[in-house]
Amino acid sequence: MPLYKTITVDQNTNVLIWKIEESYEALCEGIELTQHCQNRVDGMKSDLHRRGFMSVRHLLSILGYTDHDLFYDEFGKPHLKDGKQISISHSFEFAGIIISDNLVGIDIEKQREKIHKIANKFINPGEEAYLEPSNQERTRALTVIWCAKESLYKLFATAGLSFKQHIYIAAFTLEYPFLYGAINYDDQITHYDMSFIEFDGFTCVYALPSS
């Protein structure tokens, strides 16, 4: 069972990451899906997406949950029936969840140079000013920012939120795995603490409201 990484953020917050190495059939063993989720996974054309979906259910199982404990609201945000907060992500051969008493967001992305082509869609001028010029470092930094904004987008779960206009990531260094972010939306500013990790050419960022 390839549980790749476990991070205890605090006494109420845990991050689990799974490396997807099994077949879809192997991942189905021991997992009972709700009819809604069975319909979802049956409708997925990508085998990797189906494997990612099932690996998330194994991560839930490690923390004592089943698919029946999970439901989604009208925004598509996942929730747990016991009131705990949850966020989910999967990218290629990795999947991850974060569960906490607090609002949380998580995102995993593969580090790819193609991110440079879409950077203007999510980077604002303040962030552009501190980005590293070298291509390799810039790819890593852009991926961190994208993951950070995606994790905050999942946490905030509000229609109309713009990565470029409403979410700001403060200057950071790749040598120090902590981030600070803010959302300025509907004349209200909220602040968030984030951490990032890099592994096997992937980046993962998880976010919580600033204490």
N, C-alpha and C. Protein backbone atom coordinates (compact mmCIF):
# COMPACT_ATOMS: atom_id res chain seq x y z
N MET A 1 0.86 -1.19 0.00
CA MET A 1 0.00 0.00 0.00
C MET A 1 0.89 1.23 0.00
N PRO A 2 0.95 1.95 -1.11
CA PRO A 2 1.95 3.03 -1.23
C PRO A 2 1.51 4.36 -0.64
N LEU A 3 1.32 4.39 0.67
CA LEU A 3 1.18 5.68 1.34
C LEU A 3 2.55 6.34 1.26
N TYR A 4 2.63 7.43 0.51
CA TYR A 4 3.92 8.03 0.19
C TYR A 4 4.42 8.95 1.28
N LYS A 5 3.51 9.71 1.86
CA LYS A 5 3.95 10.70 2.84
C LYS A 5 2.80 11.05 3.78
N THR A 6 3.12 11.21 5.05
CA THR A 6 2.16 11.69 6.05
C THR A 6 2.76 12.91 6.74
N ILE A 7 1.97 13.98 6.82
CA ILE A 7 2.43 15.21 7.47
C ILE A 7 1.42 15.57 8.56
N THR A 8 1.91 15.66 9.78
CA THR A 8 1.08 16.14 10.88
C THR A 8 1.31 17.63 11.01
N VAL A 9 0.37 18.42 10.50
CA VAL A 9 0.51 19.87 10.49
C VAL A 9 0.35 20.42 11.90
N ASP A 10 -0.67 19.96 12.60
CA ASP A 10 -0.88 20.26 14.02
C ASP A 10 -1.75 19.14 14.57
N GLN A 11 -2.17 19.26 15.82
CA GLN A 11 -2.89 18.15 16.45
C GLN A 11 -4.25 17.87 15.81
N ASN A 12 -4.75 18.83 15.01
CA ASN A 12 -6.05 18.66 14.38
C ASN A 12 -5.99 18.59 12.86
N THR A 13 -4.78 18.58 12.29
CA THR A 13 -4.65 18.68 10.84
C THR A 13 -3.63 17.68 10.31
N ASN A 14 -4.06 16.86 9.34
CA ASN A 14 -3.18 15.85 8.77
C ASN A 14 -3.23 15.88 7.25
N VAL A 15 -2.06 15.71 6.64
CA VAL A 15 -1.93 15.61 5.19
C VAL A 15 -1.43 14.20 4.87
N LEU A 16 -2.08 13.54 3.91
CA LEU A 16 -1.66 12.23 3.45
C LEU A 16 -1.49 12.27 1.94
N ILE A 17 -0.40 11.69 1.45
CA ILE A 17 -0.13 11.64 0.02
C ILE A 17 0.11 10.19 -0.40
N TRP A 18 -0.52 9.82 -1.50
CA TRP A 18 -0.46 8.45 -2.02
C TRP A 18 0.23 8.45 -3.37
N LYS A 19 1.15 7.54 -3.58
CA LYS A 19 1.75 7.34 -4.90
C LYS A 19 0.99 6.23 -5.61
N ILE A 20 0.40 6.57 -6.74
CA ILE A 20 -0.52 5.66 -7.42
C ILE A 20 0.27 4.68 -8.28
N GLU A 21 0.44 3.49 -7.78
CA GLU A 21 1.20 2.46 -8.49
C GLU A 21 0.35 1.26 -8.86
N GLU A 22 -0.81 1.10 -8.20
CA GLU A 22 -1.64 -0.07 -8.42
C GLU A 22 -2.55 0.11 -9.64
N SER A 23 -3.10 -0.99 -10.09
CA SER A 23 -4.11 -0.94 -11.13
C SER A 23 -5.43 -0.46 -10.53
N TYR A 24 -6.33 -0.04 -11.39
CA TYR A 24 -7.66 0.38 -10.93
C TYR A 24 -8.34 -0.78 -10.20
N GLU A 25 -8.22 -1.98 -10.75
CA GLU A 25 -8.88 -3.14 -10.14
C GLU A 25 -8.33 -3.40 -8.73
N ALA A 26 -7.03 -3.28 -8.56
CA ALA A 26 -6.44 -3.49 -7.24
C ALA A 26 -6.90 -2.42 -6.26
N LEU A 27 -7.04 -1.19 -6.74
CA LEU A 27 -7.47 -0.10 -5.86
C LEU A 27 -8.94 -0.22 -5.46
N CYS A 28 -9.71 -0.95 -6.24
CA CYS A 28 -11.13 -1.14 -5.91
C CYS A 28 -11.32 -2.13 -4.76
N GLU A 29 -10.33 -2.97 -4.53
CA GLU A 29 -10.47 -4.00 -3.50
C GLU A 29 -10.61 -3.36 -2.12
N GLY A 30 -11.63 -3.77 -1.41
CA GLY A 30 -11.85 -3.29 -0.05
C GLY A 30 -12.50 -1.93 0.05
N ILE A 31 -12.86 -1.32 -1.08
CA ILE A 31 -13.47 0.01 -1.08
C ILE A 31 -14.90 -0.09 -1.58
N GLU A 32 -15.84 0.40 -0.80
CA GLU A 32 -17.25 0.44 -1.21
C GLU A 32 -17.63 1.90 -1.48
N LEU A 33 -18.04 2.17 -2.70
CA LEU A 33 -18.42 3.53 -3.10
C LEU A 33 -19.92 3.73 -2.95
N THR A 34 -20.32 4.97 -2.72
CA THR A 34 -21.73 5.32 -2.83
C THR A 34 -22.13 5.19 -4.29
N GLN A 35 -23.42 5.08 -4.56
CA GLN A 35 -23.86 4.96 -5.94
C GLN A 35 -23.49 6.19 -6.75
N HIS A 36 -23.55 7.37 -6.11
CA HIS A 36 -23.18 8.61 -6.79
C HIS A 36 -21.72 8.57 -7.22
N CYS A 37 -20.84 8.15 -6.32
CA CYS A 37 -19.42 8.11 -6.66
C CYS A 37 -19.10 6.98 -7.62
N GLN A 38 -19.83 5.87 -7.52
CA GLN A 38 -19.63 4.79 -8.48
C GLN A 38 -19.98 5.26 -9.89
N ASN A 39 -21.06 6.04 -9.98
CA ASN A 39 -21.44 6.59 -11.28
C ASN A 39 -20.38 7.56 -11.80
N ARG A 40 -19.80 8.34 -10.87
CA ARG A 40 -18.75 9.28 -11.27
C ARG A 40 -17.54 8.56 -11.83
N VAL A 41 -17.07 7.56 -11.10
CA VAL A 41 -15.86 6.86 -11.53
C VAL A 41 -16.11 6.04 -12.80
N ASP A 42 -17.32 5.51 -12.94
CA ASP A 42 -17.66 4.76 -14.15
C ASP A 42 -17.66 5.66 -15.38
N GLY A 43 -17.93 6.95 -15.16
CA GLY A 43 -17.98 7.88 -16.26
C GLY A 43 -16.64 8.48 -16.65
N MET A 44 -15.59 8.15 -15.90
CA MET A 44 -14.26 8.69 -16.20
C MET A 44 -13.61 7.92 -17.34
N LYS A 45 -13.15 8.63 -18.35
CA LYS A 45 -12.52 8.00 -19.50
C LYS A 45 -11.05 7.67 -19.24
N SER A 46 -10.41 8.43 -18.35
CA SER A 46 -8.99 8.24 -18.08
C SER A 46 -8.78 7.21 -16.97
N ASP A 47 -7.97 6.19 -17.27
CA ASP A 47 -7.65 5.20 -16.24
C ASP A 47 -6.91 5.84 -15.07
N LEU A 48 -6.05 6.81 -15.36
CA LEU A 48 -5.30 7.47 -14.30
C LEU A 48 -6.23 8.28 -13.39
N HIS A 49 -7.25 8.90 -13.97
CA HIS A 49 -8.22 9.63 -13.15
C HIS A 49 -9.00 8.66 -12.24
N ARG A 50 -9.37 7.52 -12.79
CA ARG A 50 -10.09 6.54 -11.97
C ARG A 50 -9.21 6.02 -10.84
N ARG A 51 -7.95 5.79 -11.15
CA ARG A 51 -7.02 5.32 -10.11
C ARG A 51 -6.79 6.41 -9.06
N GLY A 52 -6.71 7.65 -9.50
CA GLY A 52 -6.58 8.75 -8.54
C GLY A 52 -7.79 8.85 -7.64
N PHE A 53 -8.96 8.71 -8.21
CA PHE A 53 -10.21 8.75 -7.46
C PHE A 53 -10.23 7.67 -6.38
N MET A 54 -9.83 6.46 -6.76
CA MET A 54 -9.87 5.36 -5.80
C MET A 54 -8.77 5.48 -4.75
N SER A 55 -7.60 6.01 -5.13
CA SER A 55 -6.53 6.16 -4.15
C SER A 55 -6.92 7.15 -3.06
N VAL A 56 -7.71 8.15 -3.41
CA VAL A 56 -8.21 9.09 -2.39
C VAL A 56 -9.07 8.33 -1.37
N ARG A 57 -9.85 7.35 -1.84
CA ARG A 57 -10.68 6.58 -0.90
C ARG A 57 -9.82 5.74 0.03
N HIS A 58 -8.66 5.30 -0.44
CA HIS A 58 -7.75 4.59 0.45
C HIS A 58 -7.15 5.54 1.49
N LEU A 59 -6.85 6.76 1.08
CA LEU A 59 -6.35 7.74 2.05
C LEU A 59 -7.40 8.03 3.11
N LEU A 60 -8.65 8.15 2.69
CA LEU A 60 -9.74 8.35 3.66
C LEU A 60 -9.80 7.18 4.64
N SER A 61 -9.63 5.97 4.12
CA SER A 61 -9.71 4.77 4.96
C SER A 61 -8.62 4.77 6.03
N ILE A 62 -7.44 5.27 5.68
CA ILE A 62 -6.34 5.31 6.65
C ILE A 62 -6.72 6.17 7.85
N LEU A 63 -7.51 7.21 7.62
CA LEU A 63 -7.92 8.11 8.70
C LEU A 63 -9.28 7.73 9.28
N GLY A 64 -9.77 6.54 8.92
CA GLY A 64 -10.99 6.02 9.53
C GLY A 64 -12.29 6.40 8.84
N TYR A 65 -12.20 6.89 7.60
CA TYR A 65 -13.40 7.30 6.88
C TYR A 65 -13.67 6.36 5.72
N THR A 66 -14.93 6.35 5.27
CA THR A 66 -15.31 5.63 4.06
C THR A 66 -15.88 6.64 3.07
N ASP A 67 -16.13 6.16 1.86
CA ASP A 67 -16.73 7.04 0.84
C ASP A 67 -18.09 7.55 1.29
N HIS A 68 -18.76 6.79 2.14
CA HIS A 68 -20.09 7.19 2.62
C HIS A 68 -20.01 8.37 3.60
N ASP A 69 -18.83 8.65 4.11
CA ASP A 69 -18.65 9.80 5.01
C ASP A 69 -18.42 11.09 4.24
N LEU A 70 -18.27 11.00 2.92
CA LEU A 70 -17.89 12.14 2.10
C LEU A 70 -19.08 12.59 1.26
N PHE A 71 -19.27 13.92 1.19
CA PHE A 71 -20.29 14.45 0.28
C PHE A 71 -19.81 15.79 -0.27
N TYR A 72 -20.46 16.24 -1.34
CA TYR A 72 -20.04 17.45 -2.04
C TYR A 72 -21.19 18.46 -2.06
N ASP A 73 -20.85 19.75 -1.89
CA ASP A 73 -21.88 20.78 -1.96
C ASP A 73 -22.08 21.25 -3.40
N GLU A 74 -22.92 22.27 -3.58
CA GLU A 74 -23.26 22.73 -4.92
C GLU A 74 -22.07 23.35 -5.65
N PHE A 75 -21.04 23.76 -4.90
CA PHE A 75 -19.84 24.34 -5.50
C PHE A 75 -18.86 23.25 -5.91
N GLY A 76 -19.13 22.01 -5.49
CA GLY A 76 -18.20 20.90 -5.75
C GLY A 76 -17.19 20.71 -4.64
N LYS A 77 -17.35 21.43 -3.55
CA LYS A 77 -16.41 21.33 -2.42
C LYS A 77 -16.74 20.10 -1.60
N PRO A 78 -15.75 19.27 -1.28
CA PRO A 78 -16.01 18.08 -0.47
C PRO A 78 -16.18 18.41 1.01
N HIS A 79 -16.98 17.62 1.69
CA HIS A 79 -17.21 17.76 3.13
C HIS A 79 -17.26 16.37 3.75
N LEU A 80 -17.00 16.32 5.05
CA LEU A 80 -17.15 15.09 5.81
C LEU A 80 -18.35 15.21 6.74
N LYS A 81 -19.07 14.12 6.90
CA LYS A 81 -20.30 14.16 7.68
C LYS A 81 -20.08 14.45 9.15
N ASP A 82 -18.86 14.20 9.66
CA ASP A 82 -18.61 14.48 11.08
C ASP A 82 -18.25 15.94 11.33
N GLY A 83 -18.27 16.77 10.28
CA GLY A 83 -18.00 18.19 10.45
C GLY A 83 -16.55 18.59 10.23
N LYS A 84 -15.66 17.61 10.08
CA LYS A 84 -14.27 17.93 9.77
C LYS A 84 -14.17 18.54 8.37
N GLN A 85 -13.17 19.38 8.19
CA GLN A 85 -12.93 19.99 6.88
C GLN A 85 -11.97 19.10 6.07
N ILE A 86 -12.20 19.03 4.76
CA ILE A 86 -11.36 18.19 3.90
C ILE A 86 -11.12 18.88 2.57
N SER A 87 -9.95 18.65 2.01
CA SER A 87 -9.65 19.06 0.64
C SER A 87 -8.89 17.93 -0.02
N ILE A 88 -9.07 17.81 -1.34
CA ILE A 88 -8.58 16.66 -2.10
C ILE A 88 -7.86 17.14 -3.35
N SER A 89 -6.80 16.43 -3.74
CA SER A 89 -6.13 16.73 -5.00
C SER A 89 -5.50 15.47 -5.56
N HIS A 90 -5.47 15.36 -6.89
CA HIS A 90 -4.63 14.34 -7.51
C HIS A 90 -4.13 14.82 -8.86
N SER A 91 -2.88 14.45 -9.14
CA SER A 91 -2.20 14.85 -10.36
C SER A 91 -1.30 13.71 -10.81
N PHE A 92 -1.58 13.18 -11.99
CA PHE A 92 -0.80 12.07 -12.53
C PHE A 92 -0.72 10.95 -11.49
N GLU A 93 0.49 10.59 -11.02
CA GLU A 93 0.61 9.42 -10.15
C GLU A 93 0.61 9.75 -8.65
N PHE A 94 0.14 10.95 -8.28
CA PHE A 94 0.04 11.29 -6.86
C PHE A 94 -1.35 11.80 -6.52
N ALA A 95 -1.80 11.45 -5.33
CA ALA A 95 -3.06 11.95 -4.79
C ALA A 95 -2.83 12.37 -3.35
N GLY A 96 -3.60 13.34 -2.89
CA GLY A 96 -3.43 13.80 -1.52
C GLY A 96 -4.72 14.32 -0.93
N ILE A 97 -4.81 14.25 0.39
CA ILE A 97 -5.92 14.84 1.12
C ILE A 97 -5.37 15.59 2.33
N ILE A 98 -6.12 16.58 2.79
CA ILE A 98 -5.86 17.23 4.06
C ILE A 98 -7.17 17.27 4.82
N ILE A 99 -7.13 16.90 6.08
CA ILE A 99 -8.31 16.89 6.94
C ILE A 99 -7.98 17.67 8.21
N SER A 100 -8.92 18.52 8.64
CA SER A 100 -8.64 19.41 9.76
C SER A 100 -9.94 19.86 10.40
N ASP A 101 -9.82 20.45 11.60
CA ASP A 101 -10.95 21.14 12.22
C ASP A 101 -11.18 22.49 11.56
N ASN A 102 -10.15 23.02 10.88
CA ASN A 102 -10.21 24.34 10.25
C ASN A 102 -10.46 24.21 8.75
N LEU A 103 -10.84 25.30 8.11
CA LEU A 103 -10.92 25.33 6.67
C LEU A 103 -9.55 24.99 6.09
N VAL A 104 -9.52 24.19 5.04
CA VAL A 104 -8.24 23.76 4.46
C VAL A 104 -8.35 23.67 2.94
N GLY A 105 -7.20 23.73 2.29
CA GLY A 105 -7.12 23.50 0.86
C GLY A 105 -5.81 22.82 0.54
N ILE A 106 -5.80 21.98 -0.49
CA ILE A 106 -4.58 21.30 -0.90
C ILE A 106 -4.57 21.20 -2.42
N ASP A 107 -3.37 21.28 -2.99
CA ASP A 107 -3.24 21.05 -4.43
C ASP A 107 -1.89 20.40 -4.72
N ILE A 108 -1.89 19.46 -5.64
CA ILE A 108 -0.68 18.79 -6.12
C ILE A 108 -0.60 19.00 -7.63
N GLU A 109 0.55 19.40 -8.12
CA GLU A 109 0.74 19.59 -9.55
C GLU A 109 2.11 19.09 -9.97
N LYS A 110 2.19 18.57 -11.18
CA LYS A 110 3.47 18.20 -11.77
C LYS A 110 4.19 19.45 -12.25
N GLN A 111 5.49 19.51 -12.00
CA GLN A 111 6.28 20.66 -12.45
C GLN A 111 6.57 20.51 -13.94
N ARG A 112 5.97 21.39 -14.75
CA ARG A 112 6.13 21.30 -16.20
C ARG A 112 6.36 22.69 -16.79
N GLU A 113 7.19 22.74 -17.82
CA GLU A 113 7.51 24.03 -18.43
C GLU A 113 6.30 24.68 -19.09
N LYS A 114 5.28 23.91 -19.41
CA LYS A 114 4.09 24.48 -20.05
C LYS A 114 3.39 25.50 -19.16
N ILE A 115 3.73 25.51 -17.87
CA ILE A 115 3.12 26.49 -16.96
C ILE A 115 3.49 27.92 -17.35
N HIS A 116 4.64 28.08 -18.02
CA HIS A 116 5.05 29.42 -18.45
C HIS A 116 4.04 30.01 -19.44
N LYS A 117 3.39 29.16 -20.22
CA LYS A 117 2.47 29.63 -21.26
C LYS A 117 1.17 30.17 -20.66
N ILE A 118 0.82 29.75 -19.45
CA ILE A 118 -0.43 30.21 -18.84
C ILE A 118 -0.19 31.13 -17.65
N ALA A 119 1.09 31.45 -17.38
CA ALA A 119 1.42 32.25 -16.19
C ALA A 119 0.68 33.59 -16.17
N ASN A 120 0.52 34.21 -17.34
CA ASN A 120 -0.15 35.51 -17.38
C ASN A 120 -1.61 35.45 -16.98
N LYS A 121 -2.17 34.25 -16.91
CA LYS A 121 -3.56 34.11 -16.52
C LYS A 121 -3.76 34.04 -15.00
N PHE A 122 -2.66 33.77 -14.26
CA PHE A 122 -2.82 33.67 -12.81
C PHE A 122 -1.81 34.46 -11.99
N ILE A 123 -0.78 35.00 -12.65
CA ILE A 123 0.23 35.79 -11.94
C ILE A 123 -0.13 37.27 -12.04
N ASN A 124 -0.12 37.97 -10.90
CA ASN A 124 -0.37 39.42 -10.93
C ASN A 124 0.98 40.16 -10.90
N PRO A 125 1.00 41.47 -11.17
CA PRO A 125 2.27 42.20 -11.27
C PRO A 125 3.13 42.11 -10.01
N GLY A 126 2.53 42.10 -8.85
CA GLY A 126 3.31 42.00 -7.62
C GLY A 126 4.06 40.69 -7.51
N GLU A 127 3.45 39.62 -7.95
CA GLU A 127 4.10 38.31 -7.93
C GLU A 127 5.17 38.22 -9.02
N GLU A 128 4.89 38.78 -10.18
CA GLU A 128 5.87 38.78 -11.26
C GLU A 128 7.16 39.45 -10.84
N ALA A 129 7.05 40.47 -9.98
CA ALA A 129 8.22 41.26 -9.58
C ALA A 129 9.22 40.44 -8.78
N TYR A 130 8.79 39.41 -8.06
CA TYR A 130 9.74 38.67 -7.23
C TYR A 130 10.10 37.30 -7.81
N LEU A 131 9.57 36.92 -8.95
CA LEU A 131 9.87 35.60 -9.51
C LEU A 131 11.31 35.52 -10.00
N GLU A 132 11.91 34.35 -9.83
CA GLU A 132 13.27 34.13 -10.29
C GLU A 132 13.33 34.15 -11.82
N PRO A 133 14.38 34.73 -12.39
CA PRO A 133 14.46 34.79 -13.85
C PRO A 133 14.86 33.47 -14.52
N SER A 134 15.65 32.63 -13.82
CA SER A 134 16.13 31.41 -14.47
C SER A 134 14.96 30.47 -14.74
N ASN A 135 15.02 29.78 -15.87
CA ASN A 135 13.87 29.01 -16.33
C ASN A 135 13.51 27.89 -15.37
N GLN A 136 14.51 27.14 -14.89
CA GLN A 136 14.23 26.01 -14.00
C GLN A 136 13.63 26.49 -12.68
N GLU A 137 14.23 27.51 -12.08
CA GLU A 137 13.71 28.02 -10.82
C GLU A 137 12.34 28.66 -11.01
N ARG A 138 12.16 29.30 -12.17
CA ARG A 138 10.88 29.95 -12.44
C ARG A 138 9.77 28.91 -12.59
N THR A 139 10.08 27.78 -13.21
CA THR A 139 9.09 26.71 -13.33
C THR A 139 8.65 26.23 -11.96
N ARG A 140 9.61 26.01 -11.09
CA ARG A 140 9.28 25.57 -9.73
C ARG A 140 8.46 26.63 -8.99
N ALA A 141 8.89 27.89 -9.09
CA ALA A 141 8.19 28.96 -8.37
C ALA A 141 6.78 29.17 -8.91
N LEU A 142 6.62 29.13 -10.22
CA LEU A 142 5.29 29.27 -10.81
C LEU A 142 4.37 28.13 -10.36
N THR A 143 4.94 26.93 -10.27
CA THR A 143 4.13 25.79 -9.82
C THR A 143 3.71 25.95 -8.37
N VAL A 144 4.61 26.48 -7.53
CA VAL A 144 4.25 26.76 -6.14
C VAL A 144 3.10 27.76 -6.08
N ILE A 145 3.21 28.83 -6.85
CA ILE A 145 2.16 29.86 -6.83
C ILE A 145 0.84 29.30 -7.33
N TRP A 146 0.89 28.53 -8.42
CA TRP A 146 -0.34 27.94 -8.94
C TRP A 146 -0.99 27.03 -7.88
N CYS A 147 -0.18 26.16 -7.27
CA CYS A 147 -0.71 25.26 -6.24
C CYS A 147 -1.27 26.05 -5.06
N ALA A 148 -0.58 27.11 -4.67
CA ALA A 148 -1.04 27.93 -3.55
C ALA A 148 -2.39 28.56 -3.87
N LYS A 149 -2.51 29.10 -5.07
CA LYS A 149 -3.77 29.74 -5.45
C LYS A 149 -4.89 28.71 -5.61
N GLU A 150 -4.56 27.57 -6.15
CA GLU A 150 -5.56 26.52 -6.29
C GLU A 150 -6.03 26.03 -4.93
N SER A 151 -5.11 25.88 -3.98
CA SER A 151 -5.50 25.43 -2.64
C SER A 151 -6.38 26.47 -1.96
N LEU A 152 -6.08 27.75 -2.15
CA LEU A 152 -6.93 28.80 -1.58
C LEU A 152 -8.28 28.87 -2.28
N TYR A 153 -8.29 28.63 -3.57
CA TYR A 153 -9.55 28.61 -4.32
C TYR A 153 -10.47 27.50 -3.78
N LYS A 154 -9.88 26.34 -3.51
CA LYS A 154 -10.66 25.23 -2.96
C LYS A 154 -11.15 25.55 -1.55
N LEU A 155 -10.30 26.16 -0.76
CA LEU A 155 -10.65 26.51 0.61
C LEU A 155 -11.77 27.54 0.65
N PHE A 156 -11.66 28.58 -0.18
CA PHE A 156 -12.61 29.70 -0.18
C PHE A 156 -13.94 29.30 -0.81
N ALA A 157 -13.89 28.48 -1.84
CA ALA A 157 -15.08 27.89 -2.46
C ALA A 157 -16.19 28.90 -2.74
N THR A 158 -15.83 29.93 -3.50
CA THR A 158 -16.79 30.99 -3.83
C THR A 158 -16.76 31.24 -5.34
N ALA A 159 -17.91 31.18 -5.96
CA ALA A 159 -17.99 31.41 -7.41
C ALA A 159 -17.52 32.82 -7.74
N GLY A 160 -16.75 32.95 -8.81
CA GLY A 160 -16.29 34.26 -9.25
C GLY A 160 -14.92 34.65 -8.73
N LEU A 161 -14.33 33.82 -7.87
CA LEU A 161 -13.01 34.13 -7.34
C LEU A 161 -11.96 33.98 -8.45
N SER A 162 -11.14 35.00 -8.65
CA SER A 162 -10.13 35.01 -9.71
C SER A 162 -8.74 34.80 -9.13
N PHE A 163 -7.99 33.86 -9.73
CA PHE A 163 -6.61 33.63 -9.30
C PHE A 163 -5.79 34.91 -9.42
N LYS A 164 -5.96 35.63 -10.49
CA LYS A 164 -5.13 36.80 -10.78
C LYS A 164 -5.59 38.05 -10.05
N GLN A 165 -6.89 38.26 -9.95
CA GLN A 165 -7.42 39.50 -9.40
C GLN A 165 -7.65 39.46 -7.90
N HIS A 166 -7.94 38.29 -7.35
CA HIS A 166 -8.37 38.23 -5.95
C HIS A 166 -7.41 37.52 -5.01
N ILE A 167 -6.48 36.73 -5.54
CA ILE A 167 -5.58 35.95 -4.68
C ILE A 167 -4.15 36.44 -4.87
N TYR A 168 -3.47 36.74 -3.75
CA TYR A 168 -2.09 37.22 -3.81
C TYR A 168 -1.21 36.34 -2.93
N ILE A 169 -0.07 35.95 -3.49
CA ILE A 169 0.92 35.16 -2.75
C ILE A 169 2.14 36.05 -2.51
N ALA A 170 2.50 36.24 -1.25
CA ALA A 170 3.63 37.10 -0.89
C ALA A 170 4.95 36.48 -1.35
N ALA A 171 5.97 37.31 -1.46
CA ALA A 171 7.29 36.85 -1.89
C ALA A 171 7.78 35.71 -1.00
N PHE A 172 8.40 34.72 -1.62
CA PHE A 172 8.89 33.56 -0.89
C PHE A 172 10.17 33.08 -1.56
N THR A 173 10.86 32.17 -0.89
CA THR A 173 12.05 31.55 -1.46
C THR A 173 11.83 30.04 -1.52
N LEU A 174 12.37 29.42 -2.54
CA LEU A 174 12.22 27.98 -2.71
C LEU A 174 12.98 27.19 -1.65
N GLU A 175 13.88 27.86 -0.95
CA GLU A 175 14.66 27.18 0.09
C GLU A 175 13.93 27.16 1.44
N TYR A 176 12.81 27.86 1.53
CA TYR A 176 12.06 27.96 2.80
C TYR A 176 10.61 27.59 2.50
N PRO A 177 10.13 26.47 3.02
CA PRO A 177 8.87 25.90 2.53
C PRO A 177 7.58 26.49 3.11
N PHE A 178 7.59 27.76 3.41
CA PHE A 178 6.39 28.38 3.97
C PHE A 178 5.97 29.58 3.12
N LEU A 179 4.66 29.76 3.03
CA LEU A 179 4.08 30.81 2.20
C LEU A 179 3.05 31.60 2.99
N TYR A 180 2.82 32.80 2.52
CA TYR A 180 1.75 33.62 3.07
C TYR A 180 0.89 34.09 1.91
N GLY A 181 -0.42 34.00 2.06
CA GLY A 181 -1.31 34.43 1.00
C GLY A 181 -2.49 35.21 1.54
N ALA A 182 -3.14 35.92 0.65
CA ALA A 182 -4.32 36.70 1.03
C ALA A 182 -5.34 36.65 -0.10
N ILE A 183 -6.61 36.72 0.28
CA ILE A 183 -7.71 36.83 -0.68
C ILE A 183 -8.43 38.14 -0.42
N ASN A 184 -8.53 38.95 -1.46
CA ASN A 184 -9.26 40.22 -1.39
C ASN A 184 -10.49 40.07 -2.27
N TYR A 185 -11.63 39.84 -1.65
CA TYR A 185 -12.84 39.55 -2.41
C TYR A 185 -14.05 40.19 -1.73
N ASP A 186 -14.84 40.85 -2.53
CA ASP A 186 -16.07 41.47 -2.04
C ASP A 186 -15.78 42.42 -0.87
N ASP A 187 -14.70 43.20 -1.02
CA ASP A 187 -14.30 44.23 -0.04
C ASP A 187 -13.90 43.64 1.31
N GLN A 188 -13.52 42.38 1.32
CA GLN A 188 -13.02 41.76 2.55
C GLN A 188 -11.70 41.06 2.24
N ILE A 189 -10.73 41.19 3.17
CA ILE A 189 -9.42 40.56 3.01
C ILE A 189 -9.25 39.48 4.08
N THR A 190 -8.90 38.28 3.63
CA THR A 190 -8.62 37.18 4.56
C THR A 190 -7.19 36.69 4.32
N HIS A 191 -6.56 36.18 5.37
CA HIS A 191 -5.13 35.84 5.33
C HIS A 191 -4.93 34.36 5.61
N TYR A 192 -3.90 33.80 4.98
CA TYR A 192 -3.70 32.35 5.04
C TYR A 192 -2.21 32.00 5.17
N ASP A 193 -1.97 30.94 5.91
CA ASP A 193 -0.64 30.36 6.03
C ASP A 193 -0.59 29.08 5.20
N MET A 194 0.48 28.92 4.45
CA MET A 194 0.62 27.76 3.58
C MET A 194 2.02 27.17 3.69
N SER A 195 2.11 25.91 3.33
CA SER A 195 3.41 25.23 3.24
C SER A 195 3.47 24.49 1.92
N PHE A 196 4.69 24.34 1.39
CA PHE A 196 4.83 23.56 0.17
C PHE A 196 5.94 22.52 0.34
N ILE A 197 5.77 21.42 -0.38
CA ILE A 197 6.78 20.37 -0.44
C ILE A 197 6.95 20.00 -1.91
N GLU A 198 8.15 19.57 -2.27
CA GLU A 198 8.45 19.13 -3.63
C GLU A 198 8.98 17.70 -3.57
N PHE A 199 8.52 16.86 -4.50
CA PHE A 199 8.94 15.46 -4.51
C PHE A 199 8.73 14.89 -5.91
N ASP A 200 9.70 14.15 -6.39
CA ASP A 200 9.60 13.43 -7.68
C ASP A 200 9.10 14.31 -8.82
N GLY A 201 9.51 15.58 -8.83
CA GLY A 201 9.07 16.48 -9.89
C GLY A 201 7.67 17.02 -9.71
N PHE A 202 7.13 16.91 -8.51
CA PHE A 202 5.80 17.42 -8.19
C PHE A 202 5.89 18.47 -7.08
N THR A 203 4.87 19.29 -6.99
CA THR A 203 4.74 20.28 -5.92
C THR A 203 3.40 20.09 -5.24
N CYS A 204 3.40 20.18 -3.93
CA CYS A 204 2.16 20.13 -3.15
C CYS A 204 2.13 21.34 -2.22
N VAL A 205 1.01 22.04 -2.21
CA VAL A 205 0.81 23.16 -1.28
C VAL A 205 -0.47 22.88 -0.48
N TYR A 206 -0.43 23.12 0.82
CA TYR A 206 -1.64 23.05 1.63
C TYR A 206 -1.78 24.33 2.43
N ALA A 207 -3.04 24.75 2.63
CA ALA A 207 -3.34 26.06 3.18
C ALA A 207 -4.36 25.98 4.32
N LEU A 208 -4.16 26.87 5.30
CA LEU A 208 -5.10 27.06 6.39
C LEU A 208 -5.23 28.56 6.68
N PRO A 209 -6.33 28.99 7.27
CA PRO A 209 -6.45 30.39 7.66
C PRO A 209 -5.36 30.75 8.67
N SER A 210 -4.84 31.97 8.57
CA SER A 210 -3.83 32.43 9.53
C SER A 210 -4.42 32.47 10.92
N SER A 211 -3.64 32.02 11.89
CA SER A 211 -4.14 32.01 13.27
C SER A 211 -3.89 33.35 13.95
